[in-house]
C-alpha atoms as a PDB file:
ATOM      1  CA  UNK A   1      12.128 -30.005   2.957  1.00  0.00           C
ATOM      2  CA  UNK A   2      14.057 -33.283   2.915  1.00  0.00           C
ATOM      3  CA  UNK A   3      12.064 -36.469   3.490  1.00  0.00           C
ATOM      4  CA  UNK A   4      14.062 -37.313   6.605  1.00  0.00           C
ATOM      5  CA  UNK A   5      13.229 -33.873   8.077  1.00  0.00           C
ATOM      6  CA  UNK A   6       9.520 -34.388   7.439  1.00  0.00           C
ATOM      7  CA  UNK A   7       9.784 -37.860   8.978  1.00  0.00           C
ATOM      8  CA  UNK A   8      11.462 -36.402  12.043  1.00  0.00           C
ATOM      9  CA  UNK A   9       8.762 -33.740  12.399  1.00  0.00           C
ATOM     10  CA  UNK A  10       6.025 -36.350  12.063  1.00  0.00           C
ATOM     11  CA  UNK A  11       7.766 -38.482  14.691  1.00  0.00           C
ATOM     12  CA  UNK A  12       8.038 -35.498  17.028  1.00  0.00           C
ATOM     13  CA  UNK A  13       4.370 -34.631  16.501  1.00  0.00           C
ATOM     14  CA  UNK A  14       3.209 -38.182  17.049  1.00  0.00           C
ATOM     15  CA  UNK A  15       5.319 -38.800  20.124  1.00  0.00           C
ATOM     16  CA  UNK A  16       4.231 -35.590  21.818  1.00  0.00           C
ATOM     17  CA  UNK A  17       0.482 -36.117  21.423  1.00  0.00           C
ATOM     18  CA  UNK A  18       0.214 -37.876  24.774  1.00  0.00           C
ATOM     19  CA  UNK A  19       1.749 -34.813  26.409  1.00  0.00           C
ATOM     20  CA  UNK A  20      -0.423 -32.229  24.654  1.00  0.00           C
ATOM     21  CA  UNK A  21      -1.036 -29.041  26.565  1.00  0.00           C
ATOM     22  CA  UNK A  22      -4.701 -28.408  27.436  1.00  0.00           C
ATOM     23  CA  UNK A  23      -4.432 -25.098  25.569  1.00  0.00           C
ATOM     24  CA  UNK A  24      -3.643 -26.911  22.304  1.00  0.00           C
ATOM     25  CA  UNK A  25      -7.347 -27.081  21.440  1.00  0.00           C
ATOM     26  CA  UNK A  26      -7.701 -23.321  21.834  1.00  0.00           C
ATOM     27  CA  UNK A  27      -4.438 -22.703  19.988  1.00  0.00           C
ATOM     28  CA  UNK A  28      -5.460 -25.056  17.182  1.00  0.00           C
ATOM     29  CA  UNK A  29      -8.867 -23.414  16.878  1.00  0.00           C
ATOM     30  CA  UNK A  30      -7.342 -19.948  16.768  1.00  0.00           C
ATOM     31  CA  UNK A  31      -4.853 -20.969  14.069  1.00  0.00           C
ATOM     32  CA  UNK A  32      -7.595 -22.657  12.034  1.00  0.00           C
ATOM     33  CA  UNK A  33      -9.813 -19.576  12.134  1.00  0.00           C
ATOM     34  CA  UNK A  34      -6.914 -17.247  11.358  1.00  0.00           C
ATOM     35  CA  UNK A  35      -5.254 -19.203   8.544  1.00  0.00           C
ATOM     36  CA  UNK A  36      -7.479 -22.061   7.331  1.00  0.00           C
ATOM     37  CA  UNK A  37     -11.140 -21.080   7.427  1.00  0.00           C
ATOM     38  CA  UNK A  38     -10.986 -18.849   4.329  1.00  0.00           C
ATOM     39  CA  UNK A  39     -10.516 -21.968   2.200  1.00  0.00           C
ATOM     40  CA  UNK A  40     -11.797 -24.810   4.407  1.00  0.00           C
ATOM     41  CA  UNK A  41     -14.755 -22.964   5.969  1.00  0.00           C
ATOM     42  CA  UNK A  42     -15.850 -22.429   9.570  1.00  0.00           C
ATOM     43  CA  UNK A  43     -16.979 -26.052   9.832  1.00  0.00           C
ATOM     44  CA  UNK A  44     -14.101 -27.542   7.786  1.00  0.00           C
ATOM     45  CA  UNK A  45     -16.494 -28.552   5.016  1.00  0.00           C
ATOM     46  CA  UNK A  46     -14.782 -26.523   2.284  1.00  0.00           C
ATOM     47  CA  UNK A  47     -17.978 -24.609   1.528  1.00  0.00           C
ATOM     48  CA  UNK A  48     -16.533 -21.159   1.014  1.00  0.00           C
ATOM     49  CA  UNK A  49     -16.256 -18.581  -1.718  1.00  0.00           C
ATOM     50  CA  UNK A  50     -12.733 -19.894  -2.309  1.00  0.00           C
ATOM     51  CA  UNK A  51     -14.163 -23.299  -3.224  1.00  0.00           C
ATOM     52  CA  UNK A  52     -15.786 -21.648  -6.254  1.00  0.00           C
ATOM     53  CA  UNK A  53     -12.470 -20.384  -7.636  1.00  0.00           C
ATOM     54  CA  UNK A  54      -9.926 -23.009  -6.550  1.00  0.00           C
ATOM     55  CA  UNK A  55      -9.264 -26.100  -8.628  1.00  0.00           C
ATOM     56  CA  UNK A  56      -9.104 -28.535  -7.015  1.00  0.00           C
ATOM     57  CA  UNK A  57     -11.384 -27.196  -4.291  1.00  0.00           C
ATOM     58  CA  UNK A  58     -10.221 -27.111  -0.657  1.00  0.00           C
ATOM     59  CA  UNK A  59     -10.437 -30.346   1.316  1.00  0.00           C
ATOM     60  CA  UNK A  60     -13.753 -31.080   3.001  1.00  0.00           C
ATOM     61  CA  UNK A  61     -12.601 -32.453   6.352  1.00  0.00           C
ATOM     62  CA  UNK A  62     -16.153 -33.429   7.316  1.00  0.00           C
ATOM     63  CA  UNK A  63     -16.744 -35.910   4.493  1.00  0.00           C
ATOM     64  CA  UNK A  64     -16.635 -39.631   5.247  1.00  0.00           C
ATOM     65  CA  UNK A  65     -14.048 -40.052   2.484  1.00  0.00           C
ATOM     66  CA  UNK A  66     -11.714 -37.552   4.154  1.00  0.00           C
ATOM     67  CA  UNK A  67     -12.253 -39.131   7.561  1.00  0.00           C
ATOM     68  CA  UNK A  68     -11.209 -42.503   6.156  1.00  0.00           C
ATOM     69  CA  UNK A  69      -8.315 -41.289   4.001  1.00  0.00           C
ATOM     70  CA  UNK A  70      -6.647 -38.533   6.015  1.00  0.00           C
ATOM     71  CA  UNK A  71      -4.135 -39.756   8.546  1.00  0.00           C
ATOM     72  CA  UNK A  72      -2.663 -37.514  11.187  1.00  0.00           C
ATOM     73  CA  UNK A  73       0.772 -38.004   9.624  1.00  0.00           C
ATOM     74  CA  UNK A  74      -0.518 -37.063   6.171  1.00  0.00           C
ATOM     75  CA  UNK A  75      -2.241 -33.974   7.500  1.00  0.00           C
ATOM     76  CA  UNK A  76       0.901 -32.830   9.287  1.00  0.00           C
ATOM     77  CA  UNK A  77       2.883 -33.383   6.090  1.00  0.00           C
ATOM     78  CA  UNK A  78       0.338 -31.285   4.140  1.00  0.00           C
ATOM     79  CA  UNK A  79       0.617 -28.406   6.610  1.00  0.00           C
ATOM     80  CA  UNK A  80       4.425 -28.609   6.662  1.00  0.00           C
ATOM     81  CA  UNK A  81       4.992 -29.058   2.915  1.00  0.00           C
ATOM     82  CA  UNK A  82       1.775 -27.834   1.298  1.00  0.00           C
ATOM     83  CA  UNK A  83       0.048 -29.845  -1.440  1.00  0.00           C
ATOM     84  CA  UNK A  84       1.524 -29.649  -4.924  1.00  0.00           C
ATOM     85  CA  UNK A  85      -1.108 -28.925  -7.570  1.00  0.00           C
ATOM     86  CA  UNK A  86      -3.451 -27.254  -5.066  1.00  0.00           C
ATOM     87  CA  UNK A  87      -3.729 -23.909  -3.320  1.00  0.00           C
ATOM     88  CA  UNK A  88      -2.537 -25.518  -0.055  1.00  0.00           C
ATOM     89  CA  UNK A  89       0.706 -23.757   0.760  1.00  0.00           C
ATOM     90  CA  UNK A  90       3.466 -24.788   3.127  1.00  0.00           C
ATOM     91  CA  UNK A  91       3.052 -23.359   6.614  1.00  0.00           C
ATOM     92  CA  UNK A  92       6.438 -24.564   7.842  1.00  0.00           C
ATOM     93  CA  UNK A  93       7.951 -21.065   7.974  1.00  0.00           C
ATOM     94  CA  UNK A  94       4.867 -19.430   9.538  1.00  0.00           C
ATOM     95  CA  UNK A  95       3.884 -21.937  12.234  1.00  0.00           C
ATOM     96  CA  UNK A  96       5.884 -23.701  14.929  1.00  0.00           C
ATOM     97  CA  UNK A  97       5.920 -27.461  15.365  1.00  0.00           C
ATOM     98  CA  UNK A  98       3.531 -27.097  18.309  1.00  0.00           C
ATOM     99  CA  UNK A  99       1.173 -24.856  16.332  1.00  0.00           C
ATOM    100  CA  UNK A 100       1.055 -27.304  13.414  1.00  0.00           C
ATOM    101  CA  UNK A 101       0.325 -30.141  15.821  1.00  0.00           C
ATOM    102  CA  UNK A 102      -2.383 -28.069  17.525  1.00  0.00           C
ATOM    103  CA  UNK A 103      -4.196 -27.150  14.312  1.00  0.00           C
ATOM    104  CA  UNK A 104      -4.103 -30.735  13.002  1.00  0.00           C
ATOM    105  CA  UNK A 105      -5.423 -32.019  16.329  1.00  0.00           C
ATOM    106  CA  UNK A 106      -8.169 -29.379  16.294  1.00  0.00           C
ATOM    107  CA  UNK A 107      -9.249 -30.343  12.768  1.00  0.00           C
ATOM    108  CA  UNK A 108      -9.241 -34.052  13.567  1.00  0.00           C
ATOM    109  CA  UNK A 109     -11.049 -33.767  16.905  1.00  0.00           C
ATOM    110  CA  UNK A 110     -13.457 -30.879  16.440  1.00  0.00           C
ATOM    111  CA  UNK A 111     -14.202 -30.906  12.707  1.00  0.00           C
ATOM    112  CA  UNK A 112     -13.671 -34.533  11.703  1.00  0.00           C
ATOM    113  CA  UNK A 113     -14.933 -35.968  15.026  1.00  0.00           C
ATOM    114  CA  UNK A 114     -12.086 -38.483  15.186  1.00  0.00           C
END
């Protein structure tokens, strides 16, 4: 994806946060448990079987380091583009803009306590 497209998506995500639908938390949770928990774990701590076979291991969203380093924009970019050199794939063709926003908000609010 071109950098300007990612920037536009990030802008759209960020500007729509104030108008988030109350169901976004449920949607985000459902997406996380369907697509993310196998690698990141039920609690987002990365303590899964996959962590034993993936190098680098999946991100531990609950660590203080992650809480300090991961921005909402960066997380959206990771979901949209994936993370080169890791098992994190791009979800751009599988999830809508709203679904990506919902899962990032769920991770940040419910798992990272931000």
